[in-house]
Amino acid sequence: MAFWYNVVSGQVESDENKSQGDDLMGPYATQDEAAKALESAAARTKAWDDEDRAWDEQGLED
């Protein structure tokens, strides 16, 4: 079973009770992973921003 994070309600949903796709992040393997969806997304975005910054500092811009 997959789990989803609903960005509108802030609730974790399962395949059995999930809302429309536009409101969901996922799928996640566990309820805990789904509950931490926003934290995970923020961490990935920060890592990508850090990589971009390092790339730019090396003078390797597009």
N, C-alpha and C. Protein backbone atom coordinates (compact mmCIF):
# COMPACT_ATOMS: atom_id res chain seq x y z
N MET A 1 0.84 -1.19 0.00
CA MET A 1 0.00 0.00 0.00
C MET A 1 0.88 1.23 0.00
N ALA A 2 0.46 2.22 -0.74
CA ALA A 2 1.19 3.49 -0.81
C ALA A 2 0.48 4.53 0.06
N PHE A 3 1.26 5.53 0.47
CA PHE A 3 0.73 6.62 1.27
C PHE A 3 1.06 7.94 0.58
N TRP A 4 0.22 8.91 0.84
CA TRP A 4 0.29 10.20 0.17
C TRP A 4 0.18 11.31 1.21
N TYR A 5 0.78 12.47 0.93
CA TYR A 5 0.64 13.64 1.78
C TYR A 5 -0.24 14.65 1.05
N ASN A 6 -1.32 15.05 1.70
CA ASN A 6 -2.25 16.02 1.13
C ASN A 6 -1.79 17.41 1.55
N VAL A 7 -1.37 18.22 0.58
CA VAL A 7 -0.84 19.55 0.88
C VAL A 7 -1.92 20.54 1.29
N VAL A 8 -3.15 20.26 0.99
CA VAL A 8 -4.26 21.14 1.38
C VAL A 8 -4.66 20.88 2.83
N SER A 9 -4.88 19.61 3.16
CA SER A 9 -5.34 19.27 4.50
C SER A 9 -4.21 19.04 5.49
N GLY A 10 -3.00 18.75 4.97
CA GLY A 10 -1.88 18.43 5.86
C GLY A 10 -1.96 17.03 6.43
N GLN A 11 -2.78 16.18 5.83
CA GLN A 11 -3.00 14.83 6.34
C GLN A 11 -2.35 13.79 5.44
N VAL A 12 -1.99 12.66 6.05
CA VAL A 12 -1.51 11.51 5.30
C VAL A 12 -2.72 10.70 4.86
N GLU A 13 -2.70 10.26 3.61
CA GLU A 13 -3.80 9.47 3.06
C GLU A 13 -3.24 8.18 2.47
N SER A 14 -4.05 7.16 2.46
CA SER A 14 -3.65 5.89 1.85
C SER A 14 -4.27 5.78 0.47
N ASP A 15 -3.90 4.74 -0.25
CA ASP A 15 -4.50 4.49 -1.57
C ASP A 15 -6.02 4.40 -1.46
N GLU A 16 -6.49 3.89 -0.35
CA GLU A 16 -7.92 3.65 -0.17
C GLU A 16 -8.73 4.93 0.01
N ASN A 17 -8.09 5.99 0.52
CA ASN A 17 -8.86 7.20 0.81
C ASN A 17 -8.22 8.47 0.26
N LYS A 18 -7.39 8.33 -0.78
CA LYS A 18 -6.67 9.51 -1.25
C LYS A 18 -7.56 10.47 -2.03
N SER A 19 -7.19 11.74 -1.93
CA SER A 19 -7.91 12.82 -2.59
C SER A 19 -7.43 12.95 -4.03
N GLN A 20 -7.88 14.02 -4.70
CA GLN A 20 -7.48 14.25 -6.08
C GLN A 20 -5.97 14.45 -6.16
N GLY A 21 -5.40 14.05 -7.26
CA GLY A 21 -3.96 14.05 -7.45
C GLY A 21 -3.28 15.40 -7.33
N ASP A 22 -3.95 16.48 -7.70
CA ASP A 22 -3.32 17.80 -7.65
C ASP A 22 -2.96 18.22 -6.22
N ASP A 23 -3.62 17.63 -5.22
CA ASP A 23 -3.39 18.01 -3.83
C ASP A 23 -2.40 17.10 -3.13
N LEU A 24 -1.85 16.11 -3.84
CA LEU A 24 -1.07 15.06 -3.19
C LEU A 24 0.40 15.09 -3.56
N MET A 25 1.23 14.72 -2.59
CA MET A 25 2.64 14.42 -2.81
C MET A 25 2.81 12.94 -2.54
N GLY A 26 3.58 12.27 -3.36
CA GLY A 26 3.80 10.85 -3.14
C GLY A 26 3.80 10.11 -4.44
N PRO A 27 3.84 8.84 -4.39
CA PRO A 27 3.57 7.98 -3.24
C PRO A 27 4.80 7.76 -2.36
N TYR A 28 4.54 7.40 -1.12
CA TYR A 28 5.55 7.06 -0.14
C TYR A 28 5.27 5.65 0.36
N ALA A 29 6.32 4.96 0.79
CA ALA A 29 6.20 3.57 1.23
C ALA A 29 5.57 3.44 2.61
N THR A 30 5.75 4.48 3.45
CA THR A 30 5.23 4.40 4.81
C THR A 30 4.46 5.67 5.17
N GLN A 31 3.65 5.57 6.20
CA GLN A 31 2.93 6.75 6.69
C GLN A 31 3.90 7.79 7.19
N ASP A 32 4.98 7.35 7.84
CA ASP A 32 5.96 8.29 8.39
C ASP A 32 6.65 9.07 7.28
N GLU A 33 7.02 8.39 6.18
CA GLU A 33 7.62 9.09 5.05
C GLU A 33 6.66 10.12 4.47
N ALA A 34 5.40 9.76 4.35
CA ALA A 34 4.40 10.69 3.83
C ALA A 34 4.22 11.88 4.76
N ALA A 35 4.23 11.63 6.06
CA ALA A 35 4.07 12.71 7.03
C ALA A 35 5.22 13.72 6.95
N LYS A 36 6.38 13.26 6.51
CA LYS A 36 7.56 14.12 6.41
C LYS A 36 7.79 14.63 4.99
N ALA A 37 6.77 14.57 4.16
CA ALA A 37 6.90 14.94 2.75
C ALA A 37 7.43 16.35 2.56
N LEU A 38 6.89 17.30 3.29
CA LEU A 38 7.34 18.69 3.11
C LEU A 38 8.79 18.86 3.56
N GLU A 39 9.17 18.20 4.65
CA GLU A 39 10.55 18.27 5.12
C GLU A 39 11.50 17.67 4.09
N SER A 40 11.12 16.53 3.53
CA SER A 40 11.94 15.87 2.52
C SER A 40 12.09 16.73 1.28
N ALA A 41 11.00 17.33 0.85
CA ALA A 41 11.04 18.18 -0.34
C ALA A 41 11.92 19.40 -0.09
N ALA A 42 11.81 20.00 1.09
CA ALA A 42 12.63 21.17 1.43
C ALA A 42 14.12 20.79 1.46
N ALA A 43 14.44 19.63 2.00
CA ALA A 43 15.83 19.18 2.06
C ALA A 43 16.39 18.94 0.66
N ARG A 44 15.59 18.32 -0.21
CA ARG A 44 16.05 18.09 -1.58
C ARG A 44 16.25 19.41 -2.32
N THR A 45 15.34 20.35 -2.13
CA THR A 45 15.46 21.66 -2.78
C THR A 45 16.71 22.38 -2.30
N LYS A 46 16.98 22.33 -1.00
CA LYS A 46 18.18 22.96 -0.46
C LYS A 46 19.43 22.32 -1.05
N ALA A 47 19.45 21.01 -1.14
CA ALA A 47 20.62 20.31 -1.70
C ALA A 47 20.83 20.72 -3.16
N TRP A 48 19.77 20.80 -3.92
CA TRP A 48 19.88 21.22 -5.33
C TRP A 48 20.35 22.66 -5.42
N ASP A 49 19.83 23.53 -4.56
CA ASP A 49 20.27 24.93 -4.56
C ASP A 49 21.75 25.03 -4.22
N ASP A 50 22.20 24.22 -3.24
CA ASP A 50 23.61 24.22 -2.87
C ASP A 50 24.47 23.74 -4.03
N GLU A 51 24.01 22.71 -4.74
CA GLU A 51 24.75 22.22 -5.91
C GLU A 51 24.82 23.28 -7.00
N ASP A 52 23.70 23.96 -7.23
CA ASP A 52 23.68 25.03 -8.23
C ASP A 52 24.64 26.15 -7.85
N ARG A 53 24.63 26.52 -6.57
CA ARG A 53 25.51 27.59 -6.10
C ARG A 53 26.97 27.19 -6.29
N ALA A 54 27.33 25.96 -5.93
CA ALA A 54 28.70 25.48 -6.10
C ALA A 54 29.09 25.48 -7.58
N TRP A 55 28.17 25.06 -8.41
CA TRP A 55 28.40 25.04 -9.87
C TRP A 55 28.68 26.46 -10.36
N ASP A 56 27.84 27.39 -9.94
CA ASP A 56 27.99 28.79 -10.36
C ASP A 56 29.32 29.38 -9.86
N GLU A 57 29.70 29.05 -8.64
CA GLU A 57 30.94 29.58 -8.06
C GLU A 57 32.17 29.07 -8.80
N GLN A 58 32.04 27.92 -9.46
CA GLN A 58 33.15 27.37 -10.23
C GLN A 58 33.20 27.97 -11.64
N GLY A 59 32.26 28.86 -11.92
CA GLY A 59 32.22 29.50 -13.22
C GLY A 59 31.69 28.58 -14.32
N LEU A 60 30.86 27.64 -13.91
CA LEU A 60 30.34 26.67 -14.87
C LEU A 60 28.88 26.91 -15.18
N GLU A 61 28.50 28.16 -15.23
CA GLU A 61 27.10 28.48 -15.51
C GLU A 61 26.71 28.01 -16.90
N ASP A 62 25.39 27.81 -17.08
CA ASP A 62 24.87 27.38 -18.38
C ASP A 62 25.20 28.34 -19.47
